[in-house]
PDB file of N, CA and C in Angstrom:
ATOM      1  N   MET A   1    -252.507 -26.756 244.546  1.00  0.00           N
ATOM      2  CA  MET A   1    -250.808 -26.373 244.849  1.00  0.00           C
ATOM      3  C   MET A   1    -250.490 -26.526 243.494  1.00  0.00           C
ATOM      4  N   PHE A   2    -249.811 -27.843 243.280  1.00  0.00           N
ATOM      5  CA  PHE A   2    -249.062 -28.174 242.105  1.00  0.00           C
ATOM      6  C   PHE A   2    -249.972 -28.802 241.198  1.00  0.00           C
ATOM      7  N   LYS A   3    -250.202 -28.531 240.167  1.00  0.00           N
ATOM      8  CA  LYS A   3    -251.143 -29.508 239.192  1.00  0.00           C
ATOM      9  C   LYS A   3    -250.301 -30.604 238.818  1.00  0.00           C
ATOM     10  N   LYS A   4    -250.965 -31.800 238.425  1.00  0.00           N
ATOM     11  CA  LYS A   4    -250.537 -32.864 238.264  1.00  0.00           C
ATOM     12  C   LYS A   4    -249.813 -32.779 236.732  1.00  0.00           C
ATOM     13  N   GLN A   5    -248.429 -33.048 236.474  1.00  0.00           N
ATOM     14  CA  GLN A   5    -248.019 -33.146 235.181  1.00  0.00           C
ATOM     15  C   GLN A   5    -248.885 -34.133 234.370  1.00  0.00           C
ATOM     16  N   LEU A   6    -249.044 -33.655 232.763  1.00  0.00           N
ATOM     17  CA  LEU A   6    -249.283 -34.704 232.044  1.00  0.00           C
ATOM     18  C   LEU A   6    -248.628 -35.680 231.626  1.00  0.00           C
ATOM     19  N   PRO A   7    -248.492 -36.696 231.454  1.00  0.00           N
ATOM     20  CA  PRO A   7    -247.263 -37.279 230.406  1.00  0.00           C
ATOM     21  C   PRO A   7    -246.827 -36.510 229.438  1.00  0.00           C
ATOM     22  N   MET A   8    -245.497 -36.687 228.949  1.00  0.00           N
ATOM     23  CA  MET A   8    -244.955 -36.115 227.913  1.00  0.00           C
ATOM     24  C   MET A   8    -245.084 -36.780 226.671  1.00  0.00           C
ATOM     25  N   THR A   9    -245.642 -36.483 225.813  1.00  0.00           N
ATOM     26  CA  THR A   9    -245.495 -36.780 224.317  1.00  0.00           C
ATOM     27  C   THR A   9    -243.987 -36.779 223.819  1.00  0.00           C
ATOM     28  N   LYS A  10    -243.487 -37.579 223.025  1.00  0.00           N
ATOM     29  CA  LYS A  10    -242.271 -37.568 222.552  1.00  0.00           C
ATOM     30  C   LYS A  10    -242.219 -36.852 221.072  1.00  0.00           C
ATOM     31  N   PRO A  11    -241.461 -35.990 221.448  1.00  0.00           N
ATOM     32  CA  PRO A  11    -241.236 -35.118 219.958  1.00  0.00           C
ATOM     33  C   PRO A  11    -240.255 -35.569 219.377  1.00  0.00           C
ATOM     34  N   PHE A  12    -240.038 -36.662 219.265  1.00  0.00           N
ATOM     35  CA  PHE A  12    -238.788 -37.355 218.446  1.00  0.00           C
ATOM     36  C   PHE A  12    -239.385 -38.936 218.063  1.00  0.00           C
ATOM     37  N   SER A  13    -238.917 -39.400 216.822  1.00  0.00           N
ATOM     38  CA  SER A  13    -239.247 -40.134 216.199  1.00  0.00           C
ATOM     39  C   SER A  13    -239.081 -41.633 217.157  1.00  0.00           C
ATOM     40  N   GLU A  14    -240.013 -42.673 216.727  1.00  0.00           N
ATOM     41  CA  GLU A  14    -239.400 -43.825 217.352  1.00  0.00           C
ATOM     42  C   GLU A  14    -238.050 -44.457 216.755  1.00  0.00           C
ATOM     43  N   LYS A  15    -237.852 -44.320 215.806  1.00  0.00           N
ATOM     44  CA  LYS A  15    -236.303 -44.735 215.160  1.00  0.00           C
ATOM     45  C   LYS A  15    -235.340 -43.888 215.868  1.00  0.00           C
ATOM     46  N   VAL A  16    -235.108 -42.687 216.227  1.00  0.00           N
ATOM     47  CA  VAL A  16    -234.503 -41.995 217.145  1.00  0.00           C
ATOM     48  C   VAL A  16    -234.629 -42.425 218.533  1.00  0.00           C
ATOM     49  N   ALA A  17    -235.708 -42.784 219.083  1.00  0.00           N
ATOM     50  CA  ALA A  17    -235.779 -43.503 220.466  1.00  0.00           C
ATOM     51  C   ALA A  17    -235.055 -44.813 220.603  1.00  0.00           C
ATOM     52  N   LYS A  18    -235.312 -45.605 219.454  1.00  0.00           N
ATOM     53  CA  LYS A  18    -234.977 -46.867 219.638  1.00  0.00           C
ATOM     54  C   LYS A  18    -233.358 -46.942 219.296  1.00  0.00           C
ATOM     55  N   ARG A  19    -232.791 -45.821 218.456  1.00  0.00           N
ATOM     56  CA  ARG A  19    -231.328 -45.912 218.467  1.00  0.00           C
ATOM     57  C   ARG A  19    -230.515 -45.439 219.632  1.00  0.00           C
ATOM     58  N   VAL A  20    -231.136 -44.444 220.366  1.00  0.00           N
ATOM     59  CA  VAL A  20    -230.749 -44.050 221.416  1.00  0.00           C
ATOM     60  C   VAL A  20    -230.561 -44.930 222.873  1.00  0.00           C
ATOM     61  N   SER A  21    -231.697 -45.948 222.616  1.00  0.00           N
ATOM     62  CA  SER A  21    -232.131 -46.899 223.761  1.00  0.00           C
ATOM     63  C   SER A  21    -230.700 -47.838 223.556  1.00  0.00           C
ATOM     64  N   ARG A  22    -230.364 -48.011 222.559  1.00  0.00           N
ATOM     65  CA  ARG A  22    -229.236 -48.913 222.287  1.00  0.00           C
ATOM     66  C   ARG A  22    -227.599 -48.464 222.939  1.00  0.00           C
ATOM     67  N   ILE A  23    -227.590 -47.391 223.255  1.00  0.00           N
ATOM     68  CA  ILE A  23    -226.049 -46.536 223.404  1.00  0.00           C
ATOM     69  C   ILE A  23    -225.845 -46.524 225.043  1.00  0.00           C
ATOM     70  N   PRO A  24    -224.703 -46.827 225.052  1.00  0.00           N
ATOM     71  CA  PRO A  24    -224.443 -46.914 226.641  1.00  0.00           C
ATOM     72  C   PRO A  24    -224.285 -45.747 227.413  1.00  0.00           C
ATOM     73  N   THR A  25    -224.946 -45.710 228.809  1.00  0.00           N
ATOM     74  CA  THR A  25    -225.318 -44.401 229.432  1.00  0.00           C
ATOM     75  C   THR A  25    -223.826 -42.895 229.277  1.00  0.00           C
ATOM     76  N   ALA A  26    -222.756 -43.575 229.492  1.00  0.00           N
ATOM     77  CA  ALA A  26    -221.860 -42.697 229.064  1.00  0.00           C
ATOM     78  C   ALA A  26    -221.600 -42.233 227.970  1.00  0.00           C
ATOM     79  N   ASP A  27    -221.739 -42.831 227.074  1.00  0.00           N
ATOM     80  CA  ASP A  27    -221.709 -42.316 225.638  1.00  0.00           C
ATOM     81  C   ASP A  27    -223.035 -41.277 225.547  1.00  0.00           C
ATOM     82  N   LEU A  28    -224.274 -41.645 226.099  1.00  0.00           N
ATOM     83  CA  LEU A  28    -225.197 -40.597 226.014  1.00  0.00           C
ATOM     84  C   LEU A  28    -225.074 -39.450 226.563  1.00  0.00           C
ATOM     85  N   GLU A  29    -224.364 -39.548 227.847  1.00  0.00           N
ATOM     86  CA  GLU A  29    -224.329 -38.204 228.266  1.00  0.00           C
ATOM     87  C   GLU A  29    -223.270 -37.195 227.792  1.00  0.00           C
ATOM     88  N   MET A  30    -222.098 -37.764 226.710  1.00  0.00           N
ATOM     89  CA  MET A  30    -221.357 -37.327 225.858  1.00  0.00           C
ATOM     90  C   MET A  30    -222.047 -36.550 225.098  1.00  0.00           C
ATOM     91  N   TRP A  31    -223.025 -37.490 224.403  1.00  0.00           N
ATOM     92  CA  TRP A  31    -223.857 -36.862 223.129  1.00  0.00           C
ATOM     93  C   TRP A  31    -224.808 -35.844 223.402  1.00  0.00           C
ATOM     94  N   ALA A  32    -225.259 -35.978 224.691  1.00  0.00           N
ATOM     95  CA  ALA A  32    -226.113 -34.753 225.713  1.00  0.00           C
ATOM     96  C   ALA A  32    -225.264 -33.222 225.101  1.00  0.00           C
ATOM     97  N   GLU A  33    -224.074 -33.431 225.910  1.00  0.00           N
ATOM     98  CA  GLU A  33    -223.057 -32.556 225.895  1.00  0.00           C
ATOM     99  C   GLU A  33    -222.701 -31.713 224.572  1.00  0.00           C
ATOM    100  N   ASN A  34    -222.544 -32.582 223.683  1.00  0.00           N
ATOM    101  CA  ASN A  34    -222.091 -32.461 222.258  1.00  0.00           C
ATOM    102  C   ASN A  34    -223.434 -31.635 221.303  1.00  0.00           C
ATOM    103  N   SER A  35    -224.641 -32.169 221.649  1.00  0.00           N
ATOM    104  CA  SER A  35    -225.926 -31.536 221.049  1.00  0.00           C
ATOM    105  C   SER A  35    -226.085 -30.152 221.498  1.00  0.00           C
ATOM    106  N   LEU A  36    -225.878 -30.224 222.738  1.00  0.00           N
ATOM    107  CA  LEU A  36    -226.086 -28.692 223.343  1.00  0.00           C
ATOM    108  C   LEU A  36    -224.928 -27.587 222.684  1.00  0.00           C
ATOM    109  N   ILE A  37    -223.749 -28.084 222.460  1.00  0.00           N
ATOM    110  CA  ILE A  37    -222.915 -27.318 221.696  1.00  0.00           C
ATOM    111  C   ILE A  37    -223.456 -27.198 220.398  1.00  0.00           C
ATOM    112  N   GLU A  38    -223.548 -28.175 219.820  1.00  0.00           N
ATOM    113  CA  GLU A  38    -224.052 -27.902 218.083  1.00  0.00           C
ATOM    114  C   GLU A  38    -225.325 -26.995 218.232  1.00  0.00           C
ATOM    115  N   ILE A  39    -226.437 -27.233 219.103  1.00  0.00           N
ATOM    116  CA  ILE A  39    -227.357 -26.302 218.809  1.00  0.00           C
ATOM    117  C   ILE A  39    -227.180 -24.773 219.357  1.00  0.00           C
ATOM    118  N   SER A  40    -226.065 -24.377 220.153  1.00  0.00           N
ATOM    119  CA  SER A  40    -225.713 -23.237 220.334  1.00  0.00           C
ATOM    120  C   SER A  40    -224.942 -22.635 219.221  1.00  0.00           C
ATOM    121  N   ARG A  41    -223.975 -23.451 218.647  1.00  0.00           N
ATOM    122  CA  ARG A  41    -223.384 -23.015 217.531  1.00  0.00           C
ATOM    123  C   ARG A  41    -224.305 -22.774 216.209  1.00  0.00           C
ATOM    124  N   CYS A  42    -225.358 -23.321 216.195  1.00  0.00           N
ATOM    125  CA  CYS A  42    -226.346 -23.233 215.199  1.00  0.00           C
ATOM    126  C   CYS A  42    -227.013 -21.839 215.265  1.00  0.00           C
ATOM    127  N   LEU A  43    -227.292 -21.690 216.691  1.00  0.00           N
ATOM    128  CA  LEU A  43    -228.194 -20.479 217.011  1.00  0.00           C
ATOM    129  C   LEU A  43    -227.240 -19.010 216.680  1.00  0.00           C
ATOM    130  N   ARG A  44    -226.109 -19.459 216.926  1.00  0.00           N
ATOM    131  CA  ARG A  44    -225.361 -18.390 216.883  1.00  0.00           C
ATOM    132  C   ARG A  44    -225.290 -18.149 215.191  1.00  0.00           C
ATOM    133  N   MET A  45    -224.866 -18.810 214.423  1.00  0.00           N
ATOM    134  CA  MET A  45    -224.592 -18.777 213.084  1.00  0.00           C
ATOM    135  C   MET A  45    -226.076 -18.270 212.435  1.00  0.00           C
ATOM    136  N   TYR A  46    -227.360 -18.622 213.345  1.00  0.00           N
ATOM    137  CA  TYR A  46    -228.603 -17.857 212.523  1.00  0.00           C
ATOM    138  C   TYR A  46    -228.558 -16.718 213.075  1.00  0.00           C
ATOM    139  N   GLY A  47    -228.153 -16.425 214.112  1.00  0.00           N
ATOM    140  CA  GLY A  47    -228.073 -14.621 214.470  1.00  0.00           C
ATOM    141  C   GLY A  47    -227.621 -13.684 213.245  1.00  0.00           C
ATOM    142  N   GLY A  48    -226.609 -14.562 212.924  1.00  0.00           N
ATOM    143  CA  GLY A  48    -225.671 -13.517 211.740  1.00  0.00           C
ATOM    144  C   GLY A  48    -226.240 -13.456 210.485  1.00  0.00           C
ATOM    145  N   SER A  49    -226.783 -14.823 210.178  1.00  0.00           N
ATOM    146  CA  SER A  49    -227.204 -14.951 208.785  1.00  0.00           C
ATOM    147  C   SER A  49    -228.601 -14.972 208.479  1.00  0.00           C
ATOM    148  N   ARG A  50    -229.322 -15.439 209.266  1.00  0.00           N
ATOM    149  CA  ARG A  50    -230.853 -15.347 209.439  1.00  0.00           C
ATOM    150  C   ARG A  50    -231.328 -16.434 208.457  1.00  0.00           C
ATOM    151  N   ASP A  51    -230.305 -17.595 208.216  1.00  0.00           N
ATOM    152  CA  ASP A  51    -230.420 -18.734 207.412  1.00  0.00           C
ATOM    153  C   ASP A  51    -231.339 -20.026 207.965  1.00  0.00           C
ATOM    154  N   SER A  52    -232.645 -20.099 207.493  1.00  0.00           N
ATOM    155  CA  SER A  52    -233.412 -20.872 208.198  1.00  0.00           C
ATOM    156  C   SER A  52    -232.916 -22.409 208.256  1.00  0.00           C
ATOM    157  N   GLY A  53    -232.119 -22.710 207.100  1.00  0.00           N
ATOM    158  CA  GLY A  53    -231.327 -24.040 207.059  1.00  0.00           C
ATOM    159  C   GLY A  53    -230.636 -24.443 208.539  1.00  0.00           C
ATOM    160  N   VAL A  54    -229.824 -23.364 208.972  1.00  0.00           N
ATOM    161  CA  VAL A  54    -229.241 -23.345 210.369  1.00  0.00           C
ATOM    162  C   VAL A  54    -230.482 -23.823 211.377  1.00  0.00           C
ATOM    163  N   LEU A  55    -231.452 -23.352 211.094  1.00  0.00           N
ATOM    164  CA  LEU A  55    -232.155 -23.591 212.265  1.00  0.00           C
ATOM    165  C   LEU A  55    -232.853 -25.172 212.107  1.00  0.00           C
ATOM    166  N   ASP A  56    -232.725 -25.391 210.763  1.00  0.00           N
ATOM    167  CA  ASP A  56    -233.349 -26.950 210.527  1.00  0.00           C
ATOM    168  C   ASP A  56    -232.203 -28.047 211.379  1.00  0.00           C
ATOM    169  N   GLU A  57    -230.926 -27.508 211.399  1.00  0.00           N
ATOM    170  CA  GLU A  57    -229.961 -28.389 212.224  1.00  0.00           C
ATOM    171  C   GLU A  57    -230.041 -27.901 213.551  1.00  0.00           C
ATOM    172  N   ALA A  58    -230.343 -26.771 214.130  1.00  0.00           N
ATOM    173  CA  ALA A  58    -230.544 -26.624 215.473  1.00  0.00           C
ATOM    174  C   ALA A  58    -231.736 -27.375 215.907  1.00  0.00           C
ATOM    175  N   LEU A  59    -232.786 -27.750 215.279  1.00  0.00           N
ATOM    176  CA  LEU A  59    -233.836 -28.549 215.391  1.00  0.00           C
ATOM    177  C   LEU A  59    -233.565 -29.731 215.369  1.00  0.00           C
ATOM    178  N   LEU A  60    -232.950 -30.501 214.622  1.00  0.00           N
ATOM    179  CA  LEU A  60    -232.537 -31.550 214.316  1.00  0.00           C
ATOM    180  C   LEU A  60    -231.444 -32.031 215.923  1.00  0.00           C
ATOM    181  N   GLY A  61    -230.789 -31.100 216.224  1.00  0.00           N
ATOM    182  CA  GLY A  61    -230.016 -31.337 217.306  1.00  0.00           C
ATOM    183  C   GLY A  61    -230.748 -31.484 218.598  1.00  0.00           C
ATOM    184  N   ALA A  62    -231.816 -30.393 218.611  1.00  0.00           N
ATOM    185  CA  ALA A  62    -232.593 -30.420 219.757  1.00  0.00           C
ATOM    186  C   ALA A  62    -233.555 -31.720 220.180  1.00  0.00           C
ATOM    187  N   GLU A  63    -233.669 -32.206 218.904  1.00  0.00           N
ATOM    188  CA  GLU A  63    -234.387 -33.342 218.799  1.00  0.00           C
ATOM    189  C   GLU A  63    -233.680 -34.739 219.461  1.00  0.00           C
ATOM    190  N   ALA A  64    -232.279 -34.562 219.083  1.00  0.00           N
ATOM    191  CA  ALA A  64    -231.572 -35.656 219.651  1.00  0.00           C
ATOM    192  C   ALA A  64    -231.446 -35.592 220.832  1.00  0.00           C
ATOM    193  N   LEU A  65    -231.195 -34.483 221.439  1.00  0.00           N
ATOM    194  CA  LEU A  65    -231.068 -33.999 222.893  1.00  0.00           C
ATOM    195  C   LEU A  65    -232.306 -34.421 223.404  1.00  0.00           C
ATOM    196  N   HIS A  66    -233.170 -34.266 223.166  1.00  0.00           N
ATOM    197  CA  HIS A  66    -234.435 -34.435 223.823  1.00  0.00           C
ATOM    198  C   HIS A  66    -234.528 -35.806 224.106  1.00  0.00           C
ATOM    199  N   ALA A  67    -234.122 -36.724 222.904  1.00  0.00           N
ATOM    200  CA  ALA A  67    -234.479 -38.176 223.080  1.00  0.00           C
ATOM    201  C   ALA A  67    -233.279 -38.726 223.851  1.00  0.00           C
ATOM    202  N   VAL A  68    -232.287 -37.939 223.941  1.00  0.00           N
ATOM    203  CA  VAL A  68    -231.101 -38.557 225.078  1.00  0.00           C
ATOM    204  C   VAL A  68    -231.453 -38.389 226.475  1.00  0.00           C
ATOM    205  N   VAL A  69    -231.798 -37.036 226.623  1.00  0.00           N
ATOM    206  CA  VAL A  69    -232.476 -36.906 228.011  1.00  0.00           C
ATOM    207  C   VAL A  69    -233.648 -37.630 228.439  1.00  0.00           C
ATOM    208  N   ASN A  70    -234.519 -37.939 227.373  1.00  0.00           N
ATOM    209  CA  ASN A  70    -235.421 -38.709 227.835  1.00  0.00           C
ATOM    210  C   ASN A  70    -235.008 -40.144 228.114  1.00  0.00           C
ATOM    211  N   GLU A  71    -234.277 -40.611 227.628  1.00  0.00           N
ATOM    212  CA  GLU A  71    -233.824 -41.892 227.779  1.00  0.00           C
ATOM    213  C   GLU A  71    -232.780 -42.061 229.009  1.00  0.00           C
ATOM    214  N   LEU A  72    -231.872 -40.945 229.424  1.00  0.00           N
ATOM    215  CA  LEU A  72    -231.486 -41.023 230.559  1.00  0.00           C
ATOM    216  C   LEU A  72    -232.457 -41.024 231.712  1.00  0.00           C
ATOM    217  N   LYS A  73    -233.317 -40.352 231.534  1.00  0.00           N
ATOM    218  CA  LYS A  73    -234.507 -40.224 232.504  1.00  0.00           C
ATOM    219  C   LYS A  73    -235.175 -41.329 232.935  1.00  0.00           C
ATOM    220  N   GLU A  74    -235.531 -42.247 231.746  1.00  0.00           N
ATOM    221  CA  GLU A  74    -235.892 -43.525 231.678  1.00  0.00           C
ATOM    222  C   GLU A  74    -234.843 -44.679 232.747  1.00  0.00           C
ATOM    223  N   ARG A  75    -233.992 -44.299 232.325  1.00  0.00           N
ATOM    224  CA  ARG A  75    -232.918 -45.509 232.872  1.00  0.00           C
ATOM    225  C   ARG A  75    -232.644 -44.949 233.956  1.00  0.00           C
ATOM    226  N   THR A  76    -233.029 -43.708 234.668  1.00  0.00           N
ATOM    227  CA  THR A  76    -232.641 -43.255 236.155  1.00  0.00           C
ATOM    228  C   THR A  76    -233.923 -43.731 237.003  1.00  0.00           C
ATOM    229  N   THR A  77    -235.128 -43.683 236.547  1.00  0.00           N
ATOM    230  CA  THR A  77    -236.205 -44.187 237.247  1.00  0.00           C
ATOM    231  C   THR A  77    -236.529 -45.805 237.067  1.00  0.00           C
ATOM    232  N   LYS A  78    -235.897 -46.389 236.347  1.00  0.00           N
ATOM    233  CA  LYS A  78    -235.918 -47.881 236.254  1.00  0.00           C
ATOM    234  C   LYS A  78    -235.209 -48.496 237.392  1.00  0.00           C
ATOM    235  N   ARG A  79    -234.291 -47.622 237.971  1.00  0.00           N
ATOM    236  CA  ARG A  79    -233.572 -48.350 238.978  1.00  0.00           C
ATOM    237  C   ARG A  79    -234.040 -48.896 240.177  1.00  0.00           C
TER     238      ARG A  79
END
């Protein structure tokens, strides 16, 4: 039926993970929303300019978002 999921490797640095682990949950939720907005803004800007620097910003935002969502998931499963 369903394949067993392999453990996800973290595509973000331990430095980011450590920083995120110290932030209160409510702030992490807000950070996740802000990261989504920033990623979306960068992708819209890239669509008009084709500037790869804007994609670099989007990747940084995506890295932060992934770290935040990963931390929220870990907190949820530790309960």
